Protein backbone atom coordinates (compact mmCIF):
# COMPACT_ATOMS: atom_id res chain seq x y z
CA MET A 1 -69.39 -10.87 -10.64
CA ALA A 2 -72.07 -8.63 -12.14
CA LEU A 3 -75.43 -8.22 -10.38
CA ASP A 4 -77.47 -9.65 -13.25
CA GLN A 5 -75.18 -12.69 -13.49
CA ALA A 6 -75.46 -13.32 -9.74
CA GLN A 7 -79.24 -13.06 -9.90
CA LEU A 8 -79.47 -15.47 -12.83
CA ILE A 9 -77.19 -18.06 -11.19
CA GLY A 10 -79.08 -17.67 -7.91
CA THR A 11 -82.43 -18.20 -9.62
CA PHE A 12 -81.17 -21.36 -11.32
CA LEU A 13 -79.84 -22.80 -8.04
CA GLU A 14 -83.08 -21.82 -6.32
CA LEU A 15 -85.04 -23.84 -8.89
CA VAL A 16 -82.82 -26.89 -8.31
CA LEU A 17 -83.20 -26.64 -4.53
CA GLN A 18 -86.94 -26.03 -4.82
CA GLY A 19 -87.30 -29.25 -6.79
CA PHE A 20 -85.48 -31.17 -4.08
CA TYR A 21 -87.60 -29.44 -1.43
CA ILE A 22 -90.82 -30.46 -3.17
CA MET A 23 -89.79 -34.14 -3.05
CA LEU A 24 -88.84 -33.81 0.62
CA PHE A 25 -92.06 -31.96 1.40
CA ILE A 26 -94.14 -34.77 -0.12
CA GLU A 27 -92.44 -37.25 2.24
CA HIS A 28 -92.96 -34.78 5.07
CA VAL A 29 -96.70 -34.56 4.33
CA LYS A 30 -97.01 -38.35 4.22
CA ILE A 31 -95.49 -38.56 7.69
CA LEU A 32 -97.83 -35.91 9.09
CA HIS A 33 -100.83 -37.52 7.40
CA GLY A 34 -99.96 -40.86 8.95
CA SER A 35 -99.72 -39.40 12.43
CA ALA A 36 -102.67 -39.87 14.75
CA ALA A 37 -101.78 -36.76 16.78
CA ASN A 38 -104.40 -34.05 17.06
CA SER A 39 -102.95 -31.67 19.64
CA TRP A 40 -102.62 -27.93 19.19
CA ALA A 41 -98.84 -28.33 18.85
CA PHE A 42 -99.32 -30.80 16.01
CA ARG A 43 -101.78 -28.51 14.22
CA TYR A 44 -99.28 -25.67 14.58
CA LEU A 45 -96.59 -27.90 13.10
CA LEU A 46 -98.85 -28.73 10.15
CA ALA A 47 -99.79 -25.08 9.59
CA THR A 48 -96.14 -24.02 9.73
CA SER A 49 -95.14 -26.73 7.26
CA ILE A 50 -97.77 -25.63 4.73
CA THR A 51 -96.97 -21.94 5.20
CA ILE A 52 -93.25 -22.49 4.65
CA PHE A 53 -93.94 -24.49 1.48
CA LEU A 54 -96.31 -21.87 0.06
CA LEU A 55 -93.94 -18.99 0.80
CA ALA A 56 -90.89 -20.80 -0.62
CA THR A 57 -92.82 -21.74 -3.77
CA THR A 58 -94.11 -18.19 -4.22
CA HIS A 59 -90.59 -16.81 -3.82
CA THR A 60 -89.31 -19.15 -6.54
CA ILE A 61 -92.13 -18.14 -8.89
CA VAL A 62 -91.38 -14.45 -8.29
CA ASP A 63 -87.65 -14.94 -8.95
CA VAL A 64 -88.31 -16.82 -12.19
CA THR A 65 -90.73 -14.07 -13.25
CA ARG A 66 -88.14 -11.38 -12.48
CA ALA A 67 -85.46 -13.23 -14.44
CA THR A 68 -87.79 -13.56 -17.43
CA ILE A 69 -88.61 -9.85 -17.36
CA ALA A 70 -85.00 -8.79 -16.80
CA PHE A 71 -83.54 -10.74 -19.71
CA THR A 72 -86.38 -10.68 -22.27
CA ALA A 73 -88.59 -7.62 -21.73
CA THR A 74 -86.24 -4.98 -23.20
CA PRO A 75 -83.42 -6.75 -25.06
CA SER A 76 -82.61 -3.64 -27.13
CA ILE A 77 -81.61 -1.60 -24.07
CA PRO A 78 -77.95 -2.00 -23.06
CA ASN A 79 -77.47 -3.64 -19.66
CA ALA A 80 -81.25 -3.93 -19.29
CA ALA A 81 -81.05 -6.87 -16.85
CA ALA A 82 -78.51 -5.13 -14.62
CA LYS A 83 -80.61 -1.97 -14.52
CA TYR A 84 -83.74 -4.00 -13.73
CA TYR A 85 -82.13 -5.79 -10.79
CA ALA A 86 -80.50 -2.59 -9.51
CA ASN A 87 -83.94 -1.06 -8.91
CA PHE A 88 -84.35 -2.35 -5.35
CA SER A 89 -87.41 -0.17 -4.70
CA ALA A 90 -89.45 -1.82 -7.49
CA PHE A 91 -92.58 -3.68 -6.40
CA MET A 92 -91.30 -7.13 -7.39
CA SER A 93 -88.04 -6.56 -5.50
CA ILE A 94 -89.84 -5.47 -2.33
CA PHE A 95 -92.37 -8.31 -2.69
CA ARG A 96 -89.71 -11.04 -2.90
CA THR A 97 -87.85 -9.51 0.03
CA ALA A 98 -91.05 -9.47 2.07
CA ILE A 99 -91.64 -13.15 1.23
CA TYR A 100 -88.15 -14.10 2.40
CA ASP A 101 -88.58 -12.07 5.60
CA ALA A 102 -91.97 -13.67 6.28
CA LEU A 103 -90.56 -17.15 5.68
CA THR A 104 -87.66 -16.48 8.04
CA ILE A 105 -89.99 -15.13 10.73
CA VAL A 106 -92.33 -18.14 10.45
CA SER A 107 -89.38 -20.52 10.73
CA ASP A 108 -87.81 -18.64 13.65
CA ALA A 109 -91.15 -18.41 15.47
CA PHE A 110 -91.53 -22.17 15.25
CA ILE A 111 -88.07 -22.93 16.62
CA VAL A 112 -88.70 -20.57 19.55
CA TYR A 113 -92.04 -22.30 20.19
CA ARG A 114 -90.35 -25.70 19.89
CA CYS A 115 -87.80 -24.61 22.48
CA PHE A 116 -90.62 -23.39 24.73
CA LEU A 117 -92.35 -26.79 24.58
CA VAL A 118 -89.18 -28.83 25.03
CA TRP A 119 -88.40 -26.94 28.23
CA GLY A 120 -91.84 -27.68 29.66
CA LYS A 121 -93.26 -24.23 28.80
CA ASN A 122 -90.65 -22.55 30.98
CA TYR A 123 -91.01 -18.83 30.31
CA TRP A 124 -87.72 -17.88 31.94
CA ILE A 125 -85.65 -20.27 29.83
CA THR A 126 -87.21 -19.05 26.60
CA LEU A 127 -87.24 -15.35 27.52
CA LEU A 128 -83.95 -14.56 25.75
CA PRO A 129 -84.84 -16.51 22.55
CA PHE A 130 -88.19 -14.70 22.50
CA LEU A 131 -86.56 -11.28 22.90
CA LEU A 132 -84.12 -12.12 20.10
CA PHE A 133 -87.07 -13.18 17.96
CA LEU A 134 -88.80 -9.84 18.59
CA ALA A 135 -85.61 -8.06 17.51
CA ASP A 136 -85.48 -10.38 14.50
CA PHE A 137 -89.04 -9.45 13.54
CA ALA A 138 -88.48 -5.73 14.10
CA THR A 139 -85.33 -5.59 11.97
CA SER A 140 -87.03 -7.54 9.16
CA VAL A 141 -89.83 -4.94 9.00
CA TRP A 142 -87.29 -2.12 9.37
CA SER A 143 -85.10 -3.33 6.52
CA THR A 144 -87.94 -4.19 4.12
CA SER A 145 -89.73 -0.88 4.65
CA ALA A 146 -86.49 0.94 3.87
CA LEU A 147 -86.46 -0.59 0.38
CA GLY A 148 -89.71 1.11 -0.51
CA VAL A 149 -88.29 4.60 0.10
CA ALA A 150 -84.74 4.03 -1.14
CA PRO A 151 -84.03 6.18 -4.23
CA THR A 152 -82.71 4.18 -7.19
CA GLY A 153 -78.96 4.63 -7.61
CA ASP A 154 -78.45 6.44 -4.29
CA PRO A 155 -75.35 4.81 -2.71
CA PHE A 156 -76.13 6.19 0.75
CA ALA A 157 -79.62 4.68 0.69
CA VAL A 158 -78.17 1.32 -0.36
CA ILE A 159 -75.67 1.45 2.52
CA ALA A 160 -78.45 2.25 5.00
CA VAL A 161 -80.65 -0.61 3.78
CA THR A 162 -77.72 -3.05 3.74
CA LEU A 163 -76.84 -2.19 7.33
CA ARG A 164 -80.40 -2.93 8.45
CA VAL A 165 -80.36 -6.22 6.57
CA ARG A 166 -77.17 -7.24 8.38
CA TYR A 167 -78.86 -6.69 11.73
CA PHE A 168 -81.69 -8.92 10.54
CA TYR A 169 -79.29 -11.70 9.50
CA GLY A 170 -77.43 -11.41 12.79
CA PHE A 171 -80.55 -11.77 14.94
CA THR A 172 -81.73 -14.71 12.81
CA ILE A 173 -78.41 -16.51 13.39
CA ALA A 174 -78.61 -15.81 17.13
CA VAL A 175 -82.18 -17.13 17.44
CA ASN A 176 -81.42 -20.38 15.62
CA LEU A 177 -78.13 -21.14 17.38
CA LEU A 178 -79.48 -20.39 20.86
CA CYS A 179 -82.71 -22.37 20.42
CA THR A 180 -80.86 -25.33 18.91
CA ALA A 181 -78.41 -25.37 21.81
CA LEU A 182 -81.23 -25.26 24.38
CA ILE A 183 -83.27 -27.98 22.64
CA SER A 184 -80.25 -30.26 22.20
CA TYR A 185 -79.16 -29.83 25.81
CA LYS A 186 -82.64 -30.60 27.12
CA ILE A 187 -82.97 -33.77 25.05
CA TRP A 188 -79.45 -34.88 26.01
CA ASN A 189 -80.13 -34.17 29.70
CA VAL A 190 -83.40 -36.13 29.78
CA ASN A 191 -81.74 -38.98 27.89
CA ARG A 192 -78.86 -39.06 30.40
CA GLY A 193 -81.37 -39.43 33.24
CA ALA A 194 -83.32 -42.10 31.38
CA ALA A 195 -80.38 -44.51 30.92
CA GLY A 196 -82.60 -46.58 28.65
CA ARG A 197 -81.45 -49.52 26.58
CA PHE A 198 -82.48 -47.93 23.27
CA GLY A 199 -83.02 -44.37 24.42
CA GLY A 200 -79.36 -43.46 24.47
CA PRO A 201 -78.33 -44.17 20.88
CA VAL A 202 -81.64 -42.98 19.41
CA VAL A 203 -81.82 -39.72 21.33
CA SER A 204 -78.14 -39.06 20.62
CA LYS A 205 -79.01 -39.29 16.94
CA LEU A 206 -81.97 -36.99 17.55
CA VAL A 207 -79.63 -34.39 19.05
CA ALA A 208 -77.32 -34.85 16.06
CA VAL A 209 -80.26 -34.18 13.70
CA PHE A 210 -80.99 -30.85 15.39
CA ILE A 211 -77.34 -29.79 15.49
CA GLU A 212 -76.63 -30.78 11.88
CA SER A 213 -79.77 -29.03 10.61
CA ALA A 214 -78.95 -25.86 12.55
CA ALA A 215 -75.34 -26.02 11.34
CA ILE A 216 -76.39 -26.17 7.67
CA TYR A 217 -78.84 -23.28 7.98
CA SER A 218 -76.45 -21.20 10.11
CA MET A 219 -73.62 -21.82 7.64
CA PHE A 220 -75.66 -20.26 4.83
CA LEU A 221 -76.73 -17.38 7.08
CA VAL A 222 -73.12 -16.66 8.06
CA ALA A 223 -72.10 -16.81 4.38
CA LEU A 224 -74.95 -14.45 3.55
CA LEU A 225 -73.89 -12.02 6.27
CA THR A 226 -70.21 -12.25 5.27
CA THR A 227 -70.86 -11.56 1.58
CA SER A 228 -73.08 -8.65 2.58
CA ILE A 229 -70.28 -7.15 4.67
CA LEU A 230 -67.77 -7.68 1.86
CA GLY A 231 -70.15 -6.00 -0.60
CA THR A 232 -69.95 -8.75 -3.21
CA ASP A 233 -72.86 -9.63 -5.49
CA VAL A 234 -72.38 -13.30 -4.55
CA MET A 235 -74.71 -12.36 -1.71
CA PHE A 236 -77.63 -12.41 -4.18
CA ILE A 237 -76.83 -15.97 -5.22
CA LEU A 238 -77.07 -17.08 -1.59
CA LEU A 239 -80.12 -14.92 -0.94
CA ASN A 240 -82.05 -16.55 -3.79
CA MET A 241 -81.21 -19.99 -2.39
CA MET A 242 -82.30 -19.27 1.19
CA CYS A 243 -86.06 -19.88 0.86
CA PRO A 244 -85.85 -23.50 -0.37
CA ILE A 245 -82.99 -24.11 2.08
CA ILE A 246 -85.24 -23.09 4.98
CA GLY A 247 -87.90 -25.51 3.72
CA ILE A 248 -85.38 -28.33 3.22
CA VAL A 249 -83.94 -27.94 6.71
CA PHE A 250 -87.41 -27.76 8.29
CA SER A 251 -88.77 -30.84 6.50
CA SER A 252 -85.58 -32.88 6.87
CA VAL A 253 -85.86 -32.69 10.66
CA ILE A 254 -89.32 -34.28 10.53
CA VAL A 255 -88.26 -36.97 8.07
CA ARG A 256 -85.02 -37.88 9.89
CA VAL A 257 -86.59 -37.93 13.36
CA THR A 258 -89.36 -40.20 12.10
CA SER A 259 -86.75 -42.47 10.51
CA GLU A 260 -84.85 -42.79 13.79
CA ARG A 261 -88.09 -43.46 15.64
CA SER A 262 -88.95 -46.27 13.22
CA LYS A 263 -85.52 -47.84 13.71
CA ALA A 264 -85.92 -47.68 17.49
CA SER A 265 -89.38 -49.27 17.32
CA PHE A 266 -88.03 -52.10 15.16
CA GLN A 267 -85.16 -52.74 17.58
CA ALA A 268 -87.51 -52.74 20.56
CA SER A 269 -89.87 -55.18 18.84
CA SER A 270 -86.98 -57.49 17.98
CA LEU A 271 -85.79 -57.47 21.58
CA ARG A 272 -89.23 -58.26 22.96
CA SER A 273 -89.53 -61.12 20.48
CA ARG A 274 -86.19 -62.61 21.59
CA GLU A 275 -87.10 -62.21 25.27
CA THR A 276 -90.40 -64.00 24.70
CA ARG A 277 -88.72 -66.81 22.76
CA PHE A 278 -85.87 -67.45 25.20
CA GLY A 279 -87.62 -66.50 28.42
CA SER A 280 -85.22 -63.70 29.28
CA ARG A 281 -86.25 -60.31 30.56
CA ALA A 282 -84.72 -56.88 30.27
CA GLU A 283 -83.95 -54.77 33.31
CA PRO A 284 -86.64 -52.09 33.79
CA THR A 285 -84.14 -49.26 33.88
CA GLY A 286 -86.16 -47.07 31.57
CA ALA A 287 -86.93 -46.40 27.95
CA MET A 288 -87.16 -43.43 25.70
CA GLU A 289 -90.08 -43.08 23.33
CA ILE A 290 -89.73 -40.62 20.46
CA ARG A 291 -92.78 -39.17 18.76
CA LEU A 292 -93.39 -36.22 16.52
CA GLU A 293 -94.68 -34.25 19.49
CA THR A 294 -93.33 -35.87 22.65
CA VAL A 295 -90.29 -37.55 24.03
CA THR A 296 -91.24 -39.62 27.03
CA HIS A 297 -89.03 -41.35 29.56
CA THR A 298 -90.81 -44.11 31.40
CA GLY A 299 -88.78 -45.73 34.17
CA THR A 300 -89.09 -47.25 37.61
CA ASP A 301 -89.53 -43.81 39.16
CA GLY A 302 -92.48 -42.94 36.97
CA PRO A 303 -92.89 -41.05 33.73
CA ASP A 304 -90.84 -37.96 32.90
CA LYS A 305 -92.48 -36.38 29.91
CA TYR A 306 -91.90 -33.18 28.04
CA THR A 307 -93.40 -31.96 24.80
CA ASN A 308 -91.12 -31.79 21.82
CA ALA A 309 -92.74 -30.51 18.65
CA VAL A 310 -90.16 -31.64 16.17
């Protein structure tokens, strides 16, 4: 597949995904607006949500602008679009790459912070994810800066930049998989100790939400890394799609967790209504309360609470 064809297909798919992301983001904002939380963690969640949306939208606008220039600016020049896209050191090319890198860093920073909160601000547990994040950030700057000095048409410069980009993709995959595993294990472990009537099924679904979201994002990252190693231009199709995908995965976690919480609240209310009507009473073995910021186990031995900025 030719480079200009890959870029055009990627831009079209990016537009489709961005449209879906906008609808999901609107639902996401409604949920955050309806929340009464006012903690620092919640404000950070809100700021991250807005930043991701703005960066993803800007990236889409830049890609549409590049496609318009590539295919309409100089139609009389043979292979004008291919030559335009092959100039990786052009300002628009570096700018869109910087946007994607910034979006990835913002998303990765949040998942590391989320892991830090879920583990009760345990510095030792989150030391390795944080170090991987620093490597992630360093390689993003390293690879993007290399674009600005890469001579157009120099195959050795392209190889050097591509190698740096692969390191960046690799560290991003490592950060997301490790943090997701730690978060899921912590939630599962607290839920196992809670042994609540509704906590079990609901928190199991919560773990599934995290794992499924991480699996989708990681699948695209692995595909991106694989196509980069193979040297196929299909990589650019996936690369164009990544920004809205990051936004979709981020917002879908909020929406799905809130949905599960609403179902759990409805079930608990129904049970209390039946107990009041028939005079029965549930055993006080514990319960699990899911919020946007906390997951709390309240049982006979007292509360066991940890912050979970989902």
